[in-house]
Amino acid sequence: MSMDVILRSATTQAVITDWLASRGMIDAAGVPVRGFSYCWWAGSGKFVTALPVTSGTTIVTPPTFLPGFVMLAQLSSDVRENDQITNPSDGEQWSRSKLVAYVKSNGSPGSIDGISFYTISGVQLFRPADVMTWLATHGIPGHEWSGGNTF
């Protein structure tokens, strides 16, 4: 079983990769450890908050983006086994991760554009189900791993 997390930095991609390296998820070169995968949201890390408005083939209003960079990360196999909380309070995937529990216990809650998160060391951790709900509400396509995942 795997688990997805969505990470954001308001400034640079390096803030996220440095934090992941400090947690043992990637090495200094950005190579993920076995059982950890990641990709930048939409390939660039840019998270669309409003789709462009077009008239024919002309862009009338360009898309808008959440400031900073967003990463979709997946914990599976070896990482997931070491990360798992065996008896979570609510049984939800989000509550079964030691990484998430650490961030929730030591980070600060916040929200941006109506999506809640926890911040630690300049990295914001979003609950994937909240992000997917926000995207659906705003009519913006989502981003998930091939084969999907159940949040």
Protein backbone atom coordinates (compact mmCIF):
# COMPACT_ATOMS: atom_id res chain seq x y z
CA MET A 1 0.00 0.00 0.00
CA SER A 2 1.24 3.49 -0.77
CA MET A 3 0.45 6.92 0.58
CA ASP A 4 0.53 10.27 -1.20
CA VAL A 5 1.49 13.61 0.31
CA ILE A 6 1.51 17.01 -1.34
CA LEU A 7 4.30 19.40 -0.40
CA ARG A 8 4.72 23.10 -1.22
CA SER A 9 7.35 25.77 -0.81
CA ALA A 10 6.39 29.39 -1.29
CA THR A 11 9.91 30.15 -2.54
CA THR A 12 12.03 27.46 -4.22
CA GLN A 13 12.02 23.77 -5.08
CA ALA A 14 15.24 23.42 -3.06
CA VAL A 15 13.35 24.13 0.18
CA ILE A 16 11.32 20.96 -0.39
CA THR A 17 14.19 18.79 -1.60
CA ASP A 18 16.46 19.92 1.24
CA TRP A 19 13.73 19.09 3.77
CA LEU A 20 13.17 15.68 2.18
CA ALA A 21 16.93 15.03 2.27
CA SER A 22 16.98 15.91 5.99
CA ARG A 23 14.19 13.35 6.54
CA GLY A 24 16.08 10.63 4.61
CA MET A 25 13.63 10.48 1.69
CA ILE A 26 16.12 11.62 -0.97
CA ASP A 27 19.88 11.90 -1.14
CA ALA A 28 21.86 15.12 -1.65
CA ALA A 29 21.58 14.72 -5.44
CA GLY A 30 17.77 14.50 -5.22
CA VAL A 31 17.63 10.76 -5.88
CA PRO A 32 14.76 9.14 -3.95
CA VAL A 33 15.42 6.27 -1.57
CA ARG A 34 13.75 2.94 -2.29
CA GLY A 35 10.03 3.27 -1.61
CA PHE A 36 9.86 7.03 -2.14
CA SER A 37 8.83 8.68 -5.41
CA TYR A 38 8.07 12.24 -6.34
CA CYS A 39 7.24 14.50 -9.24
CA TRP A 40 6.74 18.23 -9.54
CA TRP A 41 3.11 19.18 -9.94
CA ALA A 42 2.27 19.28 -13.67
CA GLY A 43 5.97 18.74 -14.41
CA SER A 44 6.99 22.26 -13.42
CA GLY A 45 5.80 22.48 -9.83
CA LYS A 46 3.32 25.19 -10.77
CA PHE A 47 -0.15 24.69 -9.27
CA VAL A 48 -2.92 26.28 -11.35
CA THR A 49 -5.51 28.19 -9.31
CA ALA A 50 -7.51 29.50 -12.28
CA LEU A 51 -7.61 28.15 -15.82
CA PRO A 52 -6.95 30.50 -18.73
CA VAL A 53 -9.87 32.17 -20.45
CA THR A 54 -9.74 31.82 -24.22
CA SER A 55 -11.61 33.11 -27.19
CA GLY A 56 -10.98 30.69 -30.02
CA THR A 57 -7.23 30.23 -30.02
CA THR A 58 -6.53 33.54 -28.28
CA ILE A 59 -5.79 33.64 -24.56
CA VAL A 60 -7.88 36.47 -23.12
CA THR A 61 -6.82 35.91 -19.51
CA PRO A 62 -3.76 33.78 -18.71
CA PRO A 63 -3.90 31.09 -16.02
CA THR A 64 -3.00 31.99 -12.46
CA PHE A 65 -0.77 29.92 -10.21
CA LEU A 66 -0.22 29.41 -6.52
CA PRO A 67 3.08 31.15 -5.68
CA GLY A 68 6.02 28.78 -5.25
CA PHE A 69 6.35 25.12 -6.12
CA VAL A 70 4.26 22.02 -5.40
CA MET A 71 5.40 18.40 -5.27
CA LEU A 72 3.36 15.21 -5.29
CA ALA A 73 5.22 12.56 -3.29
CA GLN A 74 4.42 8.92 -2.71
CA LEU A 75 5.61 6.70 0.13
CA SER A 76 5.48 2.99 -0.68
CA SER A 77 7.22 -0.34 0.01
CA ASP A 78 10.16 0.03 2.45
CA VAL A 79 9.49 3.65 3.34
CA ARG A 80 5.81 2.99 3.97
CA GLU A 81 6.53 0.02 6.26
CA ASN A 82 8.89 2.11 8.41
CA ASP A 83 6.56 5.11 8.30
CA GLN A 84 3.35 3.32 9.28
CA ILE A 85 1.43 3.99 12.49
CA THR A 86 -0.30 0.71 13.24
CA ASN A 87 -3.30 1.95 15.26
CA PRO A 88 -4.29 5.41 14.00
CA SER A 89 -7.14 7.20 15.73
CA ASP A 90 -9.39 7.40 12.66
CA GLY A 91 -8.01 4.82 10.20
CA GLU A 92 -7.59 7.39 7.43
CA GLN A 93 -4.45 7.12 5.32
CA TRP A 94 -3.34 10.62 6.40
CA SER A 95 -3.37 9.46 10.05
CA ARG A 96 -1.26 6.34 9.47
CA SER A 97 2.00 8.13 8.63
CA LYS A 98 4.75 8.94 11.14
CA LEU A 99 6.00 11.65 8.76
CA VAL A 100 2.57 13.32 8.69
CA ALA A 101 2.16 12.91 12.47
CA TYR A 102 5.57 14.57 13.01
CA VAL A 103 4.65 17.54 10.81
CA LYS A 104 1.20 17.90 12.41
CA SER A 105 2.72 17.75 15.93
CA ASN A 106 5.64 20.09 15.27
CA GLY A 107 4.38 22.31 12.47
CA SER A 108 2.00 25.24 12.33
CA PRO A 109 -1.47 24.97 10.77
CA GLY A 110 -2.48 27.37 8.03
CA SER A 111 -4.39 27.64 4.80
CA ILE A 112 -3.97 29.17 1.38
CA ASP A 113 -6.79 29.79 -1.05
CA GLY A 114 -9.04 27.65 1.18
CA ILE A 115 -6.77 24.57 1.35
CA SER A 116 -5.53 23.67 4.85
CA PHE A 117 -1.92 22.64 5.49
CA TYR A 118 0.77 22.31 8.14
CA THR A 119 4.08 24.17 7.78
CA ILE A 120 7.45 23.03 9.05
CA SER A 121 10.87 24.36 8.02
CA GLY A 122 9.37 26.32 5.13
CA VAL A 123 7.54 23.28 3.71
CA GLN A 124 3.77 23.06 3.65
CA LEU A 125 2.18 19.62 3.84
CA PHE A 126 -1.28 19.30 2.28
CA ARG A 127 -3.76 16.48 2.74
CA PRO A 128 -4.27 15.09 -0.80
CA ALA A 129 -8.01 14.61 -0.34
CA ASP A 130 -8.37 18.32 0.50
CA VAL A 131 -6.40 19.34 -2.60
CA MET A 132 -8.42 17.04 -4.87
CA THR A 133 -11.69 18.39 -3.43
CA TRP A 134 -10.51 21.98 -4.00
CA LEU A 135 -9.52 21.17 -7.58
CA ALA A 136 -12.88 19.52 -8.30
CA THR A 137 -14.76 22.48 -6.79
CA HIS A 138 -12.84 24.89 -9.01
CA GLY A 139 -13.09 22.75 -12.17
CA ILE A 140 -9.32 22.27 -12.42
CA PRO A 141 -7.87 18.91 -13.47
CA GLY A 142 -6.10 16.94 -10.74
CA HIS A 143 -2.74 15.27 -10.63
CA GLU A 144 -2.18 11.81 -9.23
CA TRP A 145 -0.01 8.77 -9.74
CA SER A 146 -0.70 6.43 -12.62
CA GLY A 147 -3.17 3.89 -11.34
CA GLY A 148 -4.60 6.34 -8.85
CA ASN A 149 -4.62 6.17 -5.09
CA THR A 150 -7.27 6.15 -2.40
CA PHE A 151 -6.88 8.95 0.09
